[in-house]
């Protein structure tokens, strides 16, 4: 199994999770990042100082918390406001950070979904090795030692009927 087949298998496994996480990322951007961005810029505009210049300014924090709580209650208006000239630079930098974090977690999920070996999704104990009933020349359809669904090793046949089952045993 080559790298691209393994990658395709991993994407197939986590496709629904990626869709859900993408929708959640969009909701976070609209409901959290845009109010945060507008609250930061409004607080800096009203107080005349930035958070980096004076992080302990009481007026700065008062305006920030007021604007942020108002922004969370009406996130769509704040999201539209983020595309104006005053807010766009801050919004874009926060958006980059949000999506870098999202891509980081998506890559971790993809790495965990990679198949460990080439036989990972193949059924164990199937009778797919034969076609059109040719296994019944050797096996029985009705009774004997169970090998797989509708495949039995007859005990009344001549010759060796020893069975060796090779399989991992897991005990939790």
N, C-alpha and C. Protein backbone atom coordinates (compact mmCIF):
# COMPACT_ATOMS: atom_id res chain seq x y z
N UNK A 1 0.86 -1.17 0.00
CA UNK A 1 0.00 0.00 0.00
C UNK A 1 0.90 1.23 0.00
N UNK A 2 0.78 2.04 -1.03
CA UNK A 2 1.61 3.22 -1.17
C UNK A 2 1.15 4.36 -0.28
N UNK A 3 1.94 5.40 -0.30
CA UNK A 3 1.65 6.56 0.56
C UNK A 3 0.31 7.21 0.19
N UNK A 4 0.04 7.36 -1.11
CA UNK A 4 -1.18 8.05 -1.50
C UNK A 4 -2.43 7.22 -1.21
N UNK A 5 -2.32 5.90 -1.29
CA UNK A 5 -3.45 5.05 -0.91
C UNK A 5 -3.72 5.16 0.59
N UNK A 6 -2.64 5.20 1.37
CA UNK A 6 -2.80 5.35 2.82
C UNK A 6 -3.40 6.72 3.16
N UNK A 7 -2.94 7.76 2.44
CA UNK A 7 -3.48 9.09 2.66
C UNK A 7 -4.97 9.15 2.30
N UNK A 8 -5.33 8.52 1.19
CA UNK A 8 -6.73 8.48 0.77
C UNK A 8 -7.57 7.73 1.81
N UNK A 9 -7.03 6.65 2.34
CA UNK A 9 -7.74 5.89 3.37
C UNK A 9 -7.92 6.72 4.64
N UNK A 10 -6.90 7.47 5.01
CA UNK A 10 -6.99 8.31 6.21
C UNK A 10 -8.02 9.42 6.00
N UNK A 11 -8.03 10.05 4.82
CA UNK A 11 -9.04 11.07 4.55
C UNK A 11 -10.44 10.49 4.57
N UNK A 12 -10.59 9.28 4.04
CA UNK A 12 -11.91 8.64 4.04
C UNK A 12 -12.39 8.40 5.47
N UNK A 13 -11.46 8.05 6.36
CA UNK A 13 -11.83 7.79 7.75
C UNK A 13 -12.29 9.06 8.48
N UNK A 14 -11.61 10.20 8.23
CA UNK A 14 -11.90 11.39 9.01
C UNK A 14 -12.65 12.46 8.23
N UNK A 15 -13.22 12.08 7.08
CA UNK A 15 -13.90 13.07 6.24
C UNK A 15 -15.06 13.74 6.98
N UNK A 16 -15.88 12.98 7.66
CA UNK A 16 -17.02 13.59 8.36
C UNK A 16 -16.55 14.45 9.53
N UNK A 17 -15.49 14.01 10.20
CA UNK A 17 -14.96 14.82 11.31
C UNK A 17 -14.39 16.13 10.80
N UNK A 18 -13.71 16.09 9.65
CA UNK A 18 -13.18 17.33 9.08
C UNK A 18 -14.28 18.30 8.71
N UNK A 19 -15.38 17.79 8.20
CA UNK A 19 -16.52 18.66 7.85
C UNK A 19 -17.08 19.31 9.11
N UNK A 20 -17.25 18.53 10.15
CA UNK A 20 -17.77 19.07 11.41
C UNK A 20 -16.80 20.10 11.99
N UNK A 21 -15.50 19.80 11.97
CA UNK A 21 -14.52 20.73 12.52
C UNK A 21 -14.42 22.01 11.69
N UNK A 22 -14.62 21.91 10.38
CA UNK A 22 -14.61 23.10 9.54
C UNK A 22 -15.80 24.00 9.86
N UNK A 23 -16.97 23.40 10.04
CA UNK A 23 -18.15 24.18 10.41
C UNK A 23 -17.93 24.83 11.78
N UNK A 24 -17.35 24.09 12.72
CA UNK A 24 -17.05 24.67 14.03
C UNK A 24 -16.04 25.81 13.93
N UNK A 25 -15.05 25.68 13.05
CA UNK A 25 -14.07 26.75 12.87
C UNK A 25 -14.73 28.01 12.31
N UNK A 26 -15.65 27.83 11.38
CA UNK A 26 -16.37 28.99 10.83
C UNK A 26 -17.22 29.64 11.90
N UNK A 27 -17.89 28.86 12.73
CA UNK A 27 -18.69 29.40 13.82
C UNK A 27 -17.80 30.16 14.81
N UNK A 28 -16.64 29.61 15.11
CA UNK A 28 -15.71 30.29 16.03
C UNK A 28 -15.24 31.61 15.45
N UNK A 29 -14.97 31.62 14.14
CA UNK A 29 -14.53 32.87 13.50
C UNK A 29 -15.62 33.92 13.58
N UNK A 30 -16.86 33.52 13.28
CA UNK A 30 -17.95 34.50 13.27
C UNK A 30 -18.33 34.91 14.69
N UNK A 31 -18.37 33.96 15.62
CA UNK A 31 -18.94 34.23 16.93
C UNK A 31 -17.90 34.66 17.97
N UNK A 32 -16.63 34.37 17.74
CA UNK A 32 -15.63 34.70 18.74
C UNK A 32 -14.53 35.62 18.19
N UNK A 33 -13.97 35.29 17.03
CA UNK A 33 -12.84 36.05 16.51
C UNK A 33 -13.26 37.45 16.07
N UNK A 34 -14.39 37.55 15.36
CA UNK A 34 -14.80 38.89 14.89
C UNK A 34 -15.18 39.82 16.05
N UNK A 35 -15.94 39.38 17.08
CA UNK A 35 -16.17 40.28 18.22
C UNK A 35 -14.88 40.63 18.97
N UNK A 36 -13.96 39.67 19.06
CA UNK A 36 -12.69 39.94 19.73
C UNK A 36 -11.89 40.99 18.98
N UNK A 37 -11.85 40.85 17.67
CA UNK A 37 -11.10 41.81 16.83
C UNK A 37 -11.69 43.21 16.94
N UNK A 38 -13.01 43.33 16.82
CA UNK A 38 -13.63 44.66 16.88
C UNK A 38 -13.51 45.26 18.28
N UNK A 39 -13.58 44.42 19.32
CA UNK A 39 -13.45 44.93 20.69
C UNK A 39 -12.04 45.46 20.94
N UNK A 40 -11.04 44.76 20.44
CA UNK A 40 -9.66 45.23 20.61
C UNK A 40 -9.45 46.57 19.92
N UNK A 41 -9.88 46.66 18.67
CA UNK A 41 -9.67 47.90 17.92
C UNK A 41 -10.48 49.06 18.50
N UNK A 42 -11.73 48.81 18.93
CA UNK A 42 -12.53 49.87 19.53
C UNK A 42 -11.93 50.36 20.84
N UNK A 43 -11.43 49.41 21.66
CA UNK A 43 -10.81 49.79 22.93
C UNK A 43 -9.54 50.61 22.69
N UNK A 44 -8.75 50.21 21.71
CA UNK A 44 -7.54 50.97 21.40
C UNK A 44 -7.88 52.35 20.83
N UNK A 45 -8.95 52.44 20.05
CA UNK A 45 -9.35 53.72 19.46
C UNK A 45 -9.85 54.70 20.52
N UNK A 46 -10.68 54.20 21.45
CA UNK A 46 -11.27 55.06 22.48
C UNK A 46 -10.21 55.52 23.48
N UNK A 47 -9.35 54.60 23.92
CA UNK A 47 -8.36 54.96 24.95
C UNK A 47 -7.13 55.64 24.36
N UNK A 48 -6.89 55.49 23.08
CA UNK A 48 -5.74 56.12 22.45
C UNK A 48 -4.44 55.40 22.69
N UNK A 49 -4.47 54.23 23.29
CA UNK A 49 -3.27 53.42 23.53
C UNK A 49 -3.56 51.98 23.12
N UNK A 50 -2.51 51.22 22.88
CA UNK A 50 -2.70 49.82 22.51
C UNK A 50 -2.50 48.93 23.73
N UNK A 51 -2.89 47.69 23.57
CA UNK A 51 -2.71 46.73 24.66
C UNK A 51 -1.23 46.48 24.92
N UNK A 52 -0.42 46.55 23.90
CA UNK A 52 1.02 46.32 24.08
C UNK A 52 1.70 47.50 24.78
N UNK A 53 1.23 48.72 24.55
CA UNK A 53 1.83 49.89 25.20
C UNK A 53 1.50 49.98 26.68
N UNK A 54 0.23 49.77 27.00
CA UNK A 54 -0.19 49.90 28.40
C UNK A 54 -1.24 48.83 28.70
N UNK A 55 -0.81 47.61 29.03
CA UNK A 55 -1.77 46.52 29.25
C UNK A 55 -2.60 46.66 30.53
N UNK A 56 -2.22 47.56 31.44
CA UNK A 56 -2.94 47.69 32.70
C UNK A 56 -3.83 48.93 32.75
N UNK A 57 -4.12 49.51 31.59
CA UNK A 57 -4.98 50.69 31.51
C UNK A 57 -6.43 50.26 31.78
N UNK A 58 -7.03 50.81 32.82
CA UNK A 58 -8.39 50.45 33.20
C UNK A 58 -9.42 50.84 32.17
N UNK A 59 -9.27 52.01 31.53
CA UNK A 59 -10.22 52.44 30.50
C UNK A 59 -10.17 51.52 29.29
N UNK A 60 -9.00 51.07 28.96
CA UNK A 60 -8.82 50.17 27.84
C UNK A 60 -9.58 48.87 28.06
N UNK A 61 -9.43 48.29 29.25
CA UNK A 61 -10.11 47.04 29.56
C UNK A 61 -11.62 47.22 29.71
N UNK A 62 -12.04 48.34 30.24
CA UNK A 62 -13.47 48.60 30.40
C UNK A 62 -14.16 48.66 29.04
N UNK A 63 -13.58 49.39 28.10
CA UNK A 63 -14.15 49.48 26.76
C UNK A 63 -14.07 48.12 26.07
N UNK A 64 -12.94 47.42 26.24
CA UNK A 64 -12.78 46.11 25.61
C UNK A 64 -13.86 45.13 26.08
N UNK A 65 -14.05 45.01 27.38
CA UNK A 65 -15.04 44.06 27.90
C UNK A 65 -16.46 44.43 27.50
N UNK A 66 -16.78 45.72 27.49
CA UNK A 66 -18.10 46.17 27.06
C UNK A 66 -18.34 45.83 25.59
N UNK A 67 -17.37 46.15 24.75
CA UNK A 67 -17.51 45.89 23.32
C UNK A 67 -17.52 44.39 23.02
N UNK A 68 -16.72 43.63 23.73
CA UNK A 68 -16.68 42.19 23.49
C UNK A 68 -17.99 41.52 23.88
N UNK A 69 -18.56 41.90 25.03
CA UNK A 69 -19.84 41.31 25.43
C UNK A 69 -20.96 41.71 24.48
N UNK A 70 -20.92 42.94 23.99
CA UNK A 70 -21.91 43.37 23.00
C UNK A 70 -21.71 42.62 21.68
N UNK A 71 -20.46 42.40 21.31
CA UNK A 71 -20.15 41.71 20.06
C UNK A 71 -20.56 40.25 20.07
N UNK A 72 -20.47 39.60 21.20
CA UNK A 72 -20.87 38.19 21.28
C UNK A 72 -22.38 38.05 21.13
N UNK A 73 -23.13 39.02 21.61
CA UNK A 73 -24.59 38.94 21.48
C UNK A 73 -25.05 39.26 20.06
N UNK A 74 -24.25 39.99 19.29
CA UNK A 74 -24.62 40.28 17.89
C UNK A 74 -23.39 40.03 16.99
N UNK A 75 -23.04 38.75 16.79
CA UNK A 75 -21.79 38.45 16.08
C UNK A 75 -21.83 38.77 14.59
N UNK A 76 -23.00 38.69 13.96
CA UNK A 76 -23.04 38.93 12.51
C UNK A 76 -22.76 40.38 12.16
N UNK A 77 -23.23 41.30 12.99
CA UNK A 77 -22.92 42.71 12.72
C UNK A 77 -21.42 42.97 12.91
N UNK A 78 -20.81 42.31 13.88
CA UNK A 78 -19.37 42.46 14.11
C UNK A 78 -18.57 41.81 12.99
N UNK A 79 -19.08 40.71 12.48
CA UNK A 79 -18.39 40.04 11.38
C UNK A 79 -18.37 40.93 10.14
N UNK A 80 -19.47 41.59 9.85
CA UNK A 80 -19.50 42.52 8.72
C UNK A 80 -18.60 43.72 8.94
N UNK A 81 -18.51 44.15 10.20
CA UNK A 81 -17.67 45.29 10.55
C UNK A 81 -16.18 44.99 10.37
N UNK A 82 -15.81 43.70 10.47
CA UNK A 82 -14.41 43.30 10.37
C UNK A 82 -13.82 43.54 8.98
N UNK A 83 -14.65 43.72 7.99
CA UNK A 83 -14.14 43.92 6.63
C UNK A 83 -13.97 45.39 6.28
N UNK A 84 -14.14 46.26 7.25
CA UNK A 84 -13.86 47.68 7.02
C UNK A 84 -12.36 47.92 7.21
N UNK A 85 -11.91 49.07 6.78
CA UNK A 85 -10.47 49.35 6.76
C UNK A 85 -9.85 49.36 8.16
N UNK A 86 -10.59 49.82 9.15
CA UNK A 86 -10.04 49.95 10.50
C UNK A 86 -9.80 48.59 11.15
N UNK A 87 -10.64 47.62 10.88
CA UNK A 87 -10.59 46.33 11.57
C UNK A 87 -9.93 45.22 10.77
N UNK A 88 -9.78 45.40 9.47
CA UNK A 88 -9.39 44.28 8.61
C UNK A 88 -8.02 43.71 8.95
N UNK A 89 -7.05 44.55 9.25
CA UNK A 89 -5.70 44.05 9.54
C UNK A 89 -5.69 43.18 10.80
N UNK A 90 -6.36 43.61 11.84
CA UNK A 90 -6.42 42.83 13.08
C UNK A 90 -7.21 41.54 12.86
N UNK A 91 -8.31 41.66 12.13
CA UNK A 91 -9.13 40.47 11.85
C UNK A 91 -8.35 39.46 11.03
N UNK A 92 -7.62 39.91 10.03
CA UNK A 92 -6.87 38.99 9.18
C UNK A 92 -5.76 38.29 9.97
N UNK A 93 -5.08 39.00 10.86
CA UNK A 93 -4.02 38.37 11.65
C UNK A 93 -4.61 37.34 12.63
N UNK A 94 -5.76 37.65 13.22
CA UNK A 94 -6.42 36.67 14.10
C UNK A 94 -6.95 35.48 13.31
N UNK A 95 -7.41 35.76 12.11
CA UNK A 95 -7.92 34.69 11.24
C UNK A 95 -6.78 33.74 10.85
N UNK A 96 -5.61 34.28 10.55
CA UNK A 96 -4.45 33.44 10.23
C UNK A 96 -4.10 32.55 11.41
N UNK A 97 -4.06 33.14 12.60
CA UNK A 97 -3.74 32.36 13.79
C UNK A 97 -4.76 31.24 14.02
N UNK A 98 -6.04 31.56 13.85
CA UNK A 98 -7.11 30.57 14.06
C UNK A 98 -6.96 29.41 13.09
N UNK A 99 -6.69 29.72 11.84
CA UNK A 99 -6.59 28.65 10.86
C UNK A 99 -5.28 27.87 10.96
N UNK A 100 -4.22 28.48 11.44
CA UNK A 100 -2.99 27.71 11.70
C UNK A 100 -3.25 26.70 12.80
N UNK A 101 -3.96 27.09 13.85
CA UNK A 101 -4.30 26.16 14.93
C UNK A 101 -5.21 25.06 14.39
N UNK A 102 -6.19 25.44 13.56
CA UNK A 102 -7.12 24.46 12.98
C UNK A 102 -6.36 23.45 12.11
N UNK A 103 -5.46 23.93 11.27
CA UNK A 103 -4.70 23.04 10.39
C UNK A 103 -3.78 22.14 11.20
N UNK A 104 -3.22 22.66 12.28
CA UNK A 104 -2.37 21.85 13.16
C UNK A 104 -3.16 20.67 13.72
N UNK A 105 -4.35 20.93 14.25
CA UNK A 105 -5.17 19.86 14.81
C UNK A 105 -5.69 18.92 13.72
N UNK A 106 -5.99 19.43 12.55
CA UNK A 106 -6.43 18.57 11.44
C UNK A 106 -5.31 17.63 11.02
N UNK A 107 -4.07 18.11 10.99
CA UNK A 107 -2.95 17.25 10.64
C UNK A 107 -2.69 16.18 11.69
N UNK A 108 -2.89 16.53 12.95
CA UNK A 108 -2.77 15.52 14.01
C UNK A 108 -3.83 14.44 13.83
N UNK A 109 -5.07 14.86 13.54
CA UNK A 109 -6.14 13.89 13.30
C UNK A 109 -5.86 13.02 12.09
N UNK A 110 -5.32 13.61 11.04
CA UNK A 110 -4.98 12.85 9.84
C UNK A 110 -3.86 11.85 10.13
N UNK A 111 -2.87 12.27 10.89
CA UNK A 111 -1.78 11.36 11.23
C UNK A 111 -2.27 10.19 12.07
N UNK A 112 -3.22 10.44 12.96
CA UNK A 112 -3.76 9.35 13.77
C UNK A 112 -4.65 8.41 12.97
N UNK A 113 -5.23 8.91 11.89
CA UNK A 113 -6.12 8.08 11.07
C UNK A 113 -5.37 7.27 10.02
N UNK A 114 -4.07 7.51 9.84
CA UNK A 114 -3.30 6.75 8.86
C UNK A 114 -3.37 5.27 9.20
N UNK A 115 -3.57 4.42 8.20
CA UNK A 115 -3.57 2.98 8.48
C UNK A 115 -2.21 2.51 8.96
N UNK A 116 -2.21 1.63 9.92
CA UNK A 116 -0.95 1.16 10.50
C UNK A 116 -0.25 0.15 9.59
N UNK A 117 -1.04 -0.61 8.83
CA UNK A 117 -0.49 -1.58 7.90
C UNK A 117 -1.45 -1.75 6.74
N UNK A 118 -1.04 -2.50 5.73
CA UNK A 118 -1.84 -2.57 4.52
C UNK A 118 -3.10 -3.43 4.67
N UNK A 119 -3.22 -4.21 5.71
CA UNK A 119 -4.38 -5.08 5.89
C UNK A 119 -5.36 -4.54 6.92
N UNK A 120 -5.31 -3.25 7.21
CA UNK A 120 -6.08 -2.70 8.31
C UNK A 120 -7.59 -2.82 8.13
N UNK A 121 -8.11 -2.51 6.97
CA UNK A 121 -9.57 -2.51 6.78
C UNK A 121 -10.08 -3.76 6.08
N UNK A 122 -9.28 -4.77 6.02
CA UNK A 122 -9.68 -6.01 5.36
C UNK A 122 -10.28 -6.94 6.39
N UNK A 123 -11.41 -7.55 6.05
CA UNK A 123 -12.10 -8.43 6.98
C UNK A 123 -11.28 -9.68 7.24
N UNK A 124 -11.26 -10.11 8.48
CA UNK A 124 -10.59 -11.35 8.85
C UNK A 124 -11.59 -12.49 8.81
N UNK A 125 -11.18 -13.64 8.33
CA UNK A 125 -12.03 -14.81 8.36
C UNK A 125 -13.04 -14.87 7.24
N UNK A 126 -12.84 -14.18 6.15
CA UNK A 126 -13.82 -14.24 5.07
C UNK A 126 -13.46 -15.37 4.12
N UNK A 127 -14.39 -15.73 3.28
CA UNK A 127 -14.16 -16.80 2.31
C UNK A 127 -14.00 -16.20 0.92
N UNK A 128 -13.43 -15.02 0.84
CA UNK A 128 -13.28 -14.35 -0.45
C UNK A 128 -12.13 -14.95 -1.27
N UNK A 129 -11.44 -15.92 -0.76
CA UNK A 129 -10.32 -16.52 -1.47
C UNK A 129 -10.78 -17.45 -2.57
N UNK A 130 -12.06 -17.79 -2.59
CA UNK A 130 -12.56 -18.71 -3.62
C UNK A 130 -13.79 -18.11 -4.29
N UNK A 131 -14.11 -18.66 -5.46
CA UNK A 131 -15.25 -18.15 -6.22
C UNK A 131 -16.15 -19.29 -6.65
N UNK A 132 -17.42 -19.02 -6.78
CA UNK A 132 -18.42 -19.94 -7.34
C UNK A 132 -18.48 -21.28 -6.63
N UNK A 133 -18.30 -21.29 -5.32
CA UNK A 133 -18.46 -22.50 -4.53
C UNK A 133 -17.31 -23.49 -4.62
N UNK A 134 -16.16 -23.09 -5.16
CA UNK A 134 -15.06 -24.04 -5.28
C UNK A 134 -14.48 -24.43 -3.93
N UNK A 135 -14.76 -23.63 -2.87
CA UNK A 135 -14.25 -23.99 -1.55
C UNK A 135 -14.93 -25.24 -1.02
N UNK A 136 -16.12 -25.59 -1.55
CA UNK A 136 -16.86 -26.74 -1.03
C UNK A 136 -16.30 -28.05 -1.54
N UNK A 137 -15.27 -28.02 -2.42
CA UNK A 137 -14.56 -29.24 -2.78
C UNK A 137 -13.72 -29.70 -1.59
N UNK A 138 -13.32 -28.73 -0.78
CA UNK A 138 -12.50 -29.03 0.39
C UNK A 138 -13.32 -28.90 1.67
N UNK A 139 -14.17 -27.87 1.73
CA UNK A 139 -14.92 -27.56 2.94
C UNK A 139 -16.36 -28.02 2.83
N UNK A 140 -17.06 -27.96 3.97
CA UNK A 140 -18.48 -28.30 4.01
C UNK A 140 -19.28 -27.04 4.21
N UNK A 141 -20.50 -27.05 3.68
CA UNK A 141 -21.36 -25.88 3.81
C UNK A 141 -22.21 -25.97 5.09
N UNK A 142 -22.36 -27.17 5.65
CA UNK A 142 -23.34 -27.36 6.72
C UNK A 142 -22.77 -27.64 8.10
N UNK A 143 -21.78 -28.53 8.22
CA UNK A 143 -21.34 -28.91 9.55
C UNK A 143 -19.86 -29.22 9.57
N UNK A 144 -19.29 -29.14 10.76
CA UNK A 144 -17.88 -29.41 10.97
C UNK A 144 -17.28 -28.34 11.86
N UNK A 145 -15.97 -28.14 11.73
CA UNK A 145 -15.26 -27.13 12.53
C UNK A 145 -15.44 -25.79 11.83
N UNK A 146 -15.92 -24.79 12.57
CA UNK A 146 -16.22 -23.48 11.99
C UNK A 146 -14.92 -22.79 11.58
N UNK A 147 -14.87 -22.38 10.31
CA UNK A 147 -13.74 -21.60 9.82
C UNK A 147 -14.17 -20.17 9.56
N UNK A 148 -15.30 -20.00 8.91
CA UNK A 148 -15.86 -18.68 8.60
C UNK A 148 -17.35 -18.87 8.42
N UNK A 149 -18.05 -17.79 8.15
CA UNK A 149 -19.49 -17.88 7.95
C UNK A 149 -19.77 -18.78 6.75
N UNK A 150 -20.58 -19.83 6.98
CA UNK A 150 -20.97 -20.81 5.96
C UNK A 150 -19.78 -21.60 5.40
N UNK A 151 -18.73 -21.70 6.16
CA UNK A 151 -17.57 -22.51 5.76
C UNK A 151 -17.13 -23.34 6.96
N UNK A 152 -17.23 -24.64 6.81
CA UNK A 152 -16.87 -25.56 7.87
C UNK A 152 -15.86 -26.56 7.35
N UNK A 153 -14.94 -26.98 8.20
CA UNK A 153 -14.01 -28.05 7.85
C UNK A 153 -14.65 -29.35 8.30
N UNK A 154 -14.99 -30.23 7.35
CA UNK A 154 -15.69 -31.46 7.75
C UNK A 154 -14.77 -32.36 8.57
N UNK A 155 -15.35 -32.98 9.60
CA UNK A 155 -14.57 -33.87 10.45
C UNK A 155 -14.61 -35.30 9.95
N UNK A 156 -15.48 -35.60 9.00
CA UNK A 156 -15.62 -36.97 8.51
C UNK A 156 -14.84 -37.21 7.22
N UNK A 157 -14.01 -36.27 6.82
CA UNK A 157 -13.25 -36.47 5.58
C UNK A 157 -11.98 -37.25 5.88
N UNK A 158 -11.44 -37.86 4.86
CA UNK A 158 -10.23 -38.65 5.03
C UNK A 158 -9.03 -37.71 5.04
N UNK A 159 -8.06 -38.04 5.77
CA UNK A 159 -6.84 -37.25 5.79
C UNK A 159 -6.76 -36.37 7.02
N UNK A 160 -5.90 -35.41 6.93
CA UNK A 160 -5.60 -34.54 8.07
C UNK A 160 -6.69 -33.48 8.22
N UNK A 161 -7.30 -33.39 9.39
CA UNK A 161 -8.31 -32.35 9.67
C UNK A 161 -7.83 -31.43 10.79
N UNK A 162 -6.53 -31.38 11.00
CA UNK A 162 -6.00 -30.46 12.01
C UNK A 162 -6.19 -29.03 11.54
N UNK A 163 -6.48 -28.14 12.51
CA UNK A 163 -6.72 -26.73 12.19
C UNK A 163 -5.77 -25.89 13.03
N UNK A 164 -5.07 -25.00 12.38
CA UNK A 164 -4.21 -24.05 13.06
C UNK A 164 -4.78 -22.67 12.81
N UNK A 165 -5.19 -21.99 13.89
CA UNK A 165 -5.74 -20.65 13.77
C UNK A 165 -4.66 -19.68 14.23
N UNK A 166 -4.26 -18.80 13.34
CA UNK A 166 -3.24 -17.82 13.66
C UNK A 166 -3.93 -16.47 13.73
N UNK A 167 -3.97 -15.90 14.92
CA UNK A 167 -4.67 -14.64 15.13
C UNK A 167 -4.18 -14.03 16.42
N UNK A 168 -4.18 -12.72 16.49
CA UNK A 168 -3.85 -12.04 17.74
C UNK A 168 -4.97 -12.23 18.74
N UNK A 169 -4.62 -12.34 20.00
CA UNK A 169 -5.61 -12.43 21.05
C UNK A 169 -5.52 -11.18 21.90
N UNK A 170 -6.60 -10.43 21.95
CA UNK A 170 -6.64 -9.20 22.75
C UNK A 170 -7.50 -9.43 23.98
N UNK A 171 -7.00 -8.99 25.07
CA UNK A 171 -7.75 -9.11 26.31
C UNK A 171 -7.72 -7.77 27.03
N UNK A 172 -8.88 -7.20 27.26
CA UNK A 172 -8.93 -5.93 27.96
C UNK A 172 -9.48 -6.10 29.32
